């Protein structure tokens, strides 16, 4: 509780870029970008090292 996972993101068109994401399992920090989908019900999150091609994506769903 109270752990900051995403930080430093700036709006760039429809995306938020230039931020960092923390992997709470291993404590490593990666570059990140995110964007909303499905009318704001889903958040597409991409964490990467260097360039966006070298990373992993997840989709976070809003709970009703």
N, C-alpha and C. Protein backbone atom coordinates (compact mmCIF):
# COMPACT_ATOMS: atom_id res chain seq x y z
N UNK A 1 0.82 -1.18 0.00
CA UNK A 1 0.00 0.00 0.00
C UNK A 1 0.87 1.25 0.00
N UNK A 2 0.49 2.22 -0.82
CA UNK A 2 1.22 3.47 -0.90
C UNK A 2 2.46 3.42 -1.78
N UNK A 3 2.69 2.32 -2.49
CA UNK A 3 3.86 2.18 -3.35
C UNK A 3 3.58 2.86 -4.70
N UNK A 4 4.45 3.77 -5.13
CA UNK A 4 4.29 4.44 -6.41
C UNK A 4 4.83 3.52 -7.50
N UNK A 5 3.95 3.13 -8.42
CA UNK A 5 4.33 2.20 -9.49
C UNK A 5 4.64 2.94 -10.77
N UNK A 6 3.83 3.93 -11.13
CA UNK A 6 4.03 4.74 -12.34
C UNK A 6 4.39 6.16 -11.93
N UNK A 7 5.36 6.76 -12.63
CA UNK A 7 5.71 8.15 -12.33
C UNK A 7 6.28 8.83 -13.56
N UNK A 8 6.20 10.17 -13.58
CA UNK A 8 6.86 10.98 -14.59
C UNK A 8 6.26 10.97 -15.98
N UNK A 9 5.06 10.44 -16.15
CA UNK A 9 4.46 10.38 -17.48
C UNK A 9 3.94 11.75 -17.92
N UNK A 10 4.13 12.06 -19.20
CA UNK A 10 3.66 13.31 -19.79
C UNK A 10 2.76 13.00 -20.97
N UNK A 11 1.67 13.76 -21.11
CA UNK A 11 0.73 13.53 -22.21
C UNK A 11 1.39 13.88 -23.54
N UNK A 12 1.27 12.95 -24.50
CA UNK A 12 1.83 13.11 -25.84
C UNK A 12 0.78 12.61 -26.83
N UNK A 13 -0.16 13.48 -27.20
CA UNK A 13 -1.28 13.06 -28.05
C UNK A 13 -2.23 12.19 -27.25
N UNK A 14 -2.45 10.97 -27.73
CA UNK A 14 -3.33 10.03 -27.02
C UNK A 14 -2.59 9.16 -26.01
N UNK A 15 -1.26 9.26 -26.01
CA UNK A 15 -0.44 8.46 -25.10
C UNK A 15 0.14 9.31 -23.98
N UNK A 16 0.61 8.63 -22.97
CA UNK A 16 1.42 9.24 -21.92
C UNK A 16 2.79 8.57 -22.02
N UNK A 17 3.85 9.36 -22.20
CA UNK A 17 5.17 8.80 -22.44
C UNK A 17 6.20 9.45 -21.51
N UNK A 18 7.42 8.94 -21.57
CA UNK A 18 8.54 9.54 -20.85
C UNK A 18 8.55 9.26 -19.36
N UNK A 19 7.78 8.27 -18.94
CA UNK A 19 7.72 7.97 -17.51
C UNK A 19 8.51 6.73 -17.14
N UNK A 20 8.31 6.33 -15.90
CA UNK A 20 8.97 5.13 -15.39
C UNK A 20 7.94 4.25 -14.71
N UNK A 21 8.21 2.95 -14.73
CA UNK A 21 7.36 1.98 -14.05
C UNK A 21 8.23 1.08 -13.18
N UNK A 22 7.76 0.81 -12.00
CA UNK A 22 8.47 -0.04 -11.05
C UNK A 22 7.90 -1.45 -11.10
N UNK A 23 8.78 -2.44 -11.19
CA UNK A 23 8.37 -3.84 -11.05
C UNK A 23 8.48 -4.17 -9.57
N UNK A 24 7.34 -4.28 -8.87
CA UNK A 24 7.39 -4.49 -7.42
C UNK A 24 7.97 -5.85 -7.02
N UNK A 25 8.01 -6.80 -7.95
CA UNK A 25 8.55 -8.13 -7.63
C UNK A 25 10.07 -8.11 -7.47
N UNK A 26 10.76 -7.29 -8.31
CA UNK A 26 12.22 -7.31 -8.24
C UNK A 26 12.83 -5.94 -7.92
N UNK A 27 12.00 -4.89 -7.85
CA UNK A 27 12.48 -3.57 -7.50
C UNK A 27 13.13 -2.80 -8.64
N UNK A 28 13.13 -3.35 -9.85
CA UNK A 28 13.74 -2.66 -10.99
C UNK A 28 12.79 -1.62 -11.57
N UNK A 29 13.37 -0.54 -12.11
CA UNK A 29 12.61 0.54 -12.72
C UNK A 29 12.88 0.54 -14.21
N UNK A 30 11.81 0.65 -15.01
CA UNK A 30 11.90 0.63 -16.46
C UNK A 30 11.25 1.88 -17.04
N UNK A 31 11.63 2.22 -18.27
CA UNK A 31 10.93 3.29 -18.99
C UNK A 31 9.52 2.80 -19.28
N UNK A 32 8.57 3.74 -19.45
CA UNK A 32 7.20 3.30 -19.69
C UNK A 32 6.44 4.29 -20.56
N UNK A 33 5.37 3.76 -21.15
CA UNK A 33 4.37 4.57 -21.82
C UNK A 33 3.03 3.87 -21.66
N UNK A 34 1.96 4.64 -21.64
CA UNK A 34 0.63 4.08 -21.42
C UNK A 34 -0.38 4.80 -22.31
N UNK A 35 -1.52 4.15 -22.55
CA UNK A 35 -2.64 4.82 -23.18
C UNK A 35 -3.93 4.12 -22.79
N UNK A 36 -5.00 4.91 -22.76
CA UNK A 36 -6.32 4.40 -22.42
C UNK A 36 -6.98 3.78 -23.64
N UNK A 37 -7.76 2.75 -23.42
CA UNK A 37 -8.50 2.09 -24.50
C UNK A 37 -9.90 1.75 -24.01
N UNK A 38 -10.76 1.43 -24.95
CA UNK A 38 -12.12 0.98 -24.63
C UNK A 38 -12.87 2.00 -23.77
N UNK A 39 -12.78 3.26 -24.16
CA UNK A 39 -13.50 4.30 -23.43
C UNK A 39 -13.01 4.54 -22.02
N UNK A 40 -11.75 4.26 -21.77
CA UNK A 40 -11.19 4.47 -20.44
C UNK A 40 -11.33 3.28 -19.51
N UNK A 41 -11.85 2.17 -20.01
CA UNK A 41 -12.03 0.98 -19.18
C UNK A 41 -10.76 0.13 -19.12
N UNK A 42 -9.84 0.33 -20.07
CA UNK A 42 -8.60 -0.43 -20.09
C UNK A 42 -7.42 0.52 -20.20
N UNK A 43 -6.33 0.17 -19.53
CA UNK A 43 -5.10 0.94 -19.58
C UNK A 43 -4.02 0.03 -20.14
N UNK A 44 -3.50 0.38 -21.32
CA UNK A 44 -2.42 -0.39 -21.92
C UNK A 44 -1.10 0.16 -21.40
N UNK A 45 -0.34 -0.68 -20.75
CA UNK A 45 0.91 -0.28 -20.09
C UNK A 45 2.07 -1.00 -20.76
N UNK A 46 3.10 -0.24 -21.14
CA UNK A 46 4.30 -0.82 -21.76
C UNK A 46 5.51 -0.41 -20.95
N UNK A 47 6.27 -1.38 -20.48
CA UNK A 47 7.53 -1.14 -19.78
C UNK A 47 8.66 -1.66 -20.64
N UNK A 48 9.76 -0.90 -20.73
CA UNK A 48 10.83 -1.30 -21.63
C UNK A 48 12.19 -0.76 -21.18
N UNK A 49 13.24 -1.33 -21.76
CA UNK A 49 14.61 -0.89 -21.53
C UNK A 49 15.12 -0.32 -22.85
N UNK A 50 15.54 0.93 -22.86
CA UNK A 50 16.06 1.54 -24.08
C UNK A 50 14.95 1.92 -25.04
N UNK A 51 14.69 1.05 -26.01
CA UNK A 51 13.64 1.30 -27.00
C UNK A 51 12.42 0.45 -26.67
N UNK A 52 11.27 0.90 -27.12
CA UNK A 52 10.00 0.26 -26.78
C UNK A 52 9.91 -1.19 -27.28
N UNK A 53 10.68 -1.55 -28.29
CA UNK A 53 10.65 -2.92 -28.81
C UNK A 53 11.18 -3.93 -27.81
N UNK A 54 12.04 -3.48 -26.90
CA UNK A 54 12.64 -4.37 -25.90
C UNK A 54 11.89 -4.24 -24.58
N UNK A 55 10.68 -4.79 -24.53
CA UNK A 55 9.89 -4.65 -23.32
C UNK A 55 8.73 -5.61 -23.24
N UNK A 56 7.80 -5.25 -22.37
CA UNK A 56 6.64 -6.11 -22.12
C UNK A 56 5.42 -5.22 -21.93
N UNK A 57 4.27 -5.68 -22.41
CA UNK A 57 3.03 -4.94 -22.27
C UNK A 57 2.04 -5.69 -21.40
N UNK A 58 1.19 -4.93 -20.73
CA UNK A 58 0.09 -5.48 -19.95
C UNK A 58 -1.13 -4.61 -20.17
N UNK A 59 -2.31 -5.19 -20.00
CA UNK A 59 -3.55 -4.44 -20.06
C UNK A 59 -4.16 -4.49 -18.66
N UNK A 60 -4.36 -3.32 -18.07
CA UNK A 60 -4.99 -3.21 -16.76
C UNK A 60 -6.44 -2.81 -16.97
N UNK A 61 -7.37 -3.53 -16.34
CA UNK A 61 -8.80 -3.24 -16.50
C UNK A 61 -9.36 -2.55 -15.27
N UNK A 62 -10.17 -1.53 -15.51
CA UNK A 62 -10.84 -0.80 -14.42
C UNK A 62 -11.90 -1.69 -13.79
N UNK A 63 -11.90 -1.76 -12.49
CA UNK A 63 -12.92 -2.52 -11.77
C UNK A 63 -14.13 -1.65 -11.51
N UNK A 64 -15.28 -2.19 -11.75
CA UNK A 64 -16.55 -1.44 -11.56
C UNK A 64 -16.94 -1.43 -10.11
